[in-house]
Amino acid sequence: MRIIHFGGSAEPGTIVALEDEGRTLRVRTAGGELLAFLLNPATARFALDGAAGGPRLELLDQG
């Protein structure tokens, strides 16, 4: 998975916990920071603390 930042930069991340029946993902960045991403029901995207204009997750198929 990647964390996409405003402006197009990206960094790898790893899911470390699922909460709220999968609507909240706790993600550890490559730098060790722990972030919470909330599912936005209107856009079906995971955004940092629900912020539509902030970092979001891009879930990638590793297979």
N, C-alpha and C. Protein backbone atom coordinates (compact mmCIF):
# COMPACT_ATOMS: atom_id res chain seq x y z
N MET A 1 0.83 -1.16 0.00
CA MET A 1 0.00 0.00 0.00
C MET A 1 0.88 1.23 0.00
N ARG A 2 0.31 2.31 -0.50
CA ARG A 2 1.04 3.58 -0.49
C ARG A 2 0.19 4.65 0.15
N ILE A 3 0.86 5.60 0.75
CA ILE A 3 0.21 6.79 1.28
C ILE A 3 0.50 7.90 0.28
N ILE A 4 -0.56 8.43 -0.30
CA ILE A 4 -0.43 9.47 -1.31
C ILE A 4 -0.64 10.82 -0.64
N HIS A 5 0.33 11.71 -0.79
CA HIS A 5 0.26 13.03 -0.17
C HIS A 5 -0.21 14.07 -1.19
N PHE A 6 -0.75 15.16 -0.68
CA PHE A 6 -1.15 16.27 -1.53
C PHE A 6 0.06 16.70 -2.34
N GLY A 7 -0.09 16.85 -3.62
CA GLY A 7 1.01 17.22 -4.49
C GLY A 7 1.58 16.03 -5.24
N GLY A 8 1.15 14.81 -4.89
CA GLY A 8 1.54 13.64 -5.66
C GLY A 8 2.65 12.79 -5.10
N SER A 9 3.34 13.23 -4.04
CA SER A 9 4.38 12.37 -3.49
C SER A 9 3.74 11.19 -2.77
N ALA A 10 4.49 10.11 -2.65
CA ALA A 10 3.96 8.89 -2.04
C ALA A 10 5.02 8.23 -1.19
N GLU A 11 4.56 7.45 -0.21
CA GLU A 11 5.48 6.66 0.61
C GLU A 11 4.79 5.34 0.96
N PRO A 12 5.58 4.29 1.18
CA PRO A 12 4.96 3.01 1.53
C PRO A 12 4.41 3.04 2.95
N GLY A 13 3.41 2.21 3.18
CA GLY A 13 2.82 2.08 4.51
C GLY A 13 2.40 0.64 4.75
N THR A 14 2.23 0.29 6.02
CA THR A 14 1.82 -1.06 6.40
C THR A 14 0.64 -0.96 7.36
N ILE A 15 -0.44 -1.69 7.07
CA ILE A 15 -1.59 -1.72 7.97
C ILE A 15 -1.20 -2.50 9.21
N VAL A 16 -1.40 -1.89 10.38
CA VAL A 16 -1.08 -2.57 11.64
C VAL A 16 -2.33 -2.88 12.45
N ALA A 17 -3.46 -2.26 12.13
CA ALA A 17 -4.70 -2.55 12.86
C ALA A 17 -5.90 -2.11 12.05
N LEU A 18 -7.00 -2.87 12.22
CA LEU A 18 -8.31 -2.53 11.65
C LEU A 18 -9.24 -2.23 12.81
N GLU A 19 -10.02 -1.17 12.69
CA GLU A 19 -10.97 -0.79 13.73
C GLU A 19 -12.30 -0.42 13.09
N ASP A 20 -13.33 -0.30 13.92
CA ASP A 20 -14.66 0.11 13.44
C ASP A 20 -15.14 -0.76 12.27
N GLU A 21 -15.00 -2.07 12.43
CA GLU A 21 -15.42 -3.02 11.39
C GLU A 21 -14.78 -2.72 10.03
N GLY A 22 -13.51 -2.29 10.05
CA GLY A 22 -12.76 -2.03 8.83
C GLY A 22 -12.88 -0.62 8.30
N ARG A 23 -13.61 0.25 8.99
CA ARG A 23 -13.75 1.64 8.51
C ARG A 23 -12.59 2.53 8.93
N THR A 24 -11.76 2.06 9.86
CA THR A 24 -10.57 2.80 10.28
C THR A 24 -9.37 1.88 10.14
N LEU A 25 -8.33 2.36 9.49
CA LEU A 25 -7.08 1.62 9.34
C LEU A 25 -5.97 2.37 10.04
N ARG A 26 -5.23 1.68 10.89
CA ARG A 26 -4.02 2.24 11.51
C ARG A 26 -2.86 1.79 10.62
N VAL A 27 -2.09 2.76 10.16
CA VAL A 27 -1.03 2.50 9.19
C VAL A 27 0.29 3.04 9.71
N ARG A 28 1.34 2.23 9.62
CA ARG A 28 2.69 2.67 9.99
C ARG A 28 3.41 3.07 8.71
N THR A 29 3.96 4.29 8.72
CA THR A 29 4.70 4.80 7.56
C THR A 29 6.10 4.20 7.54
N ALA A 30 6.80 4.41 6.44
CA ALA A 30 8.18 3.93 6.32
C ALA A 30 9.07 4.58 7.38
N GLY A 31 8.71 5.79 7.82
CA GLY A 31 9.48 6.49 8.83
C GLY A 31 9.09 6.13 10.26
N GLY A 32 8.11 5.23 10.42
CA GLY A 32 7.72 4.76 11.74
C GLY A 32 6.54 5.48 12.37
N GLU A 33 6.00 6.49 11.70
CA GLU A 33 4.86 7.23 12.24
C GLU A 33 3.58 6.39 12.12
N LEU A 34 2.72 6.44 13.13
CA LEU A 34 1.45 5.71 13.11
C LEU A 34 0.33 6.70 12.78
N LEU A 35 -0.41 6.41 11.70
CA LEU A 35 -1.48 7.28 11.24
C LEU A 35 -2.80 6.53 11.22
N ALA A 36 -3.90 7.25 11.43
CA ALA A 36 -5.24 6.67 11.35
C ALA A 36 -5.93 7.20 10.09
N PHE A 37 -6.40 6.29 9.26
CA PHE A 37 -7.12 6.64 8.05
C PHE A 37 -8.56 6.18 8.19
N LEU A 38 -9.51 7.09 7.92
CA LEU A 38 -10.92 6.79 8.06
C LEU A 38 -11.54 6.67 6.68
N LEU A 39 -12.45 5.70 6.53
CA LEU A 39 -13.15 5.52 5.27
C LEU A 39 -14.20 6.61 5.11
N ASN A 40 -14.13 7.31 4.01
CA ASN A 40 -15.12 8.33 3.68
C ASN A 40 -16.22 7.64 2.89
N PRO A 41 -17.43 7.54 3.45
CA PRO A 41 -18.49 6.80 2.75
C PRO A 41 -18.93 7.46 1.43
N ALA A 42 -18.72 8.75 1.28
CA ALA A 42 -19.12 9.44 0.05
C ALA A 42 -18.17 9.14 -1.11
N THR A 43 -16.88 8.95 -0.80
CA THR A 43 -15.89 8.75 -1.87
C THR A 43 -15.34 7.33 -1.90
N ALA A 44 -15.60 6.54 -0.84
CA ALA A 44 -15.07 5.18 -0.71
C ALA A 44 -13.54 5.17 -0.70
N ARG A 45 -12.94 6.23 -0.15
CA ARG A 45 -11.48 6.31 -0.02
C ARG A 45 -11.13 6.46 1.45
N PHE A 46 -9.94 5.97 1.80
CA PHE A 46 -9.43 6.16 3.15
C PHE A 46 -8.59 7.43 3.15
N ALA A 47 -8.97 8.38 4.00
CA ALA A 47 -8.25 9.64 4.11
C ALA A 47 -7.79 9.84 5.55
N LEU A 48 -6.70 10.55 5.72
CA LEU A 48 -6.14 10.81 7.04
C LEU A 48 -7.18 11.52 7.90
N ASP A 49 -7.56 10.89 9.00
CA ASP A 49 -8.55 11.45 9.93
C ASP A 49 -9.80 11.95 9.21
N GLY A 50 -10.13 11.37 8.07
CA GLY A 50 -11.33 11.75 7.35
C GLY A 50 -11.21 13.02 6.53
N ALA A 51 -10.03 13.62 6.47
CA ALA A 51 -9.83 14.86 5.73
C ALA A 51 -9.78 14.58 4.23
N ALA A 52 -10.73 15.13 3.48
CA ALA A 52 -10.82 14.86 2.05
C ALA A 52 -9.62 15.37 1.27
N GLY A 53 -8.99 16.48 1.69
CA GLY A 53 -7.89 17.05 0.94
C GLY A 53 -6.52 16.65 1.42
N GLY A 54 -6.43 15.80 2.43
CA GLY A 54 -5.14 15.40 2.98
C GLY A 54 -4.64 14.09 2.40
N PRO A 55 -3.67 13.49 3.05
CA PRO A 55 -3.15 12.21 2.58
C PRO A 55 -4.24 11.16 2.52
N ARG A 56 -4.12 10.24 1.55
CA ARG A 56 -5.06 9.14 1.42
C ARG A 56 -4.29 7.86 1.12
N LEU A 57 -4.98 6.74 1.29
CA LEU A 57 -4.35 5.46 1.04
C LEU A 57 -4.65 4.99 -0.37
N GLU A 58 -3.67 4.36 -0.97
CA GLU A 58 -3.84 3.68 -2.25
C GLU A 58 -3.54 2.22 -1.98
N LEU A 59 -4.57 1.39 -2.05
CA LEU A 59 -4.41 -0.03 -1.77
C LEU A 59 -3.99 -0.71 -3.07
N LEU A 60 -2.87 -1.41 -3.03
CA LEU A 60 -2.31 -2.03 -4.23
C LEU A 60 -2.33 -3.54 -4.11
N ASP A 61 -2.54 -4.21 -5.21
CA ASP A 61 -2.47 -5.67 -5.27
C ASP A 61 -1.01 -6.07 -5.40
N GLN A 62 -0.50 -6.79 -4.39
CA GLN A 62 0.90 -7.20 -4.41
C GLN A 62 1.13 -8.48 -5.21
N GLY A 63 0.07 -9.12 -5.67
CA GLY A 63 0.19 -10.39 -6.37
C GLY A 63 0.22 -10.20 -7.83
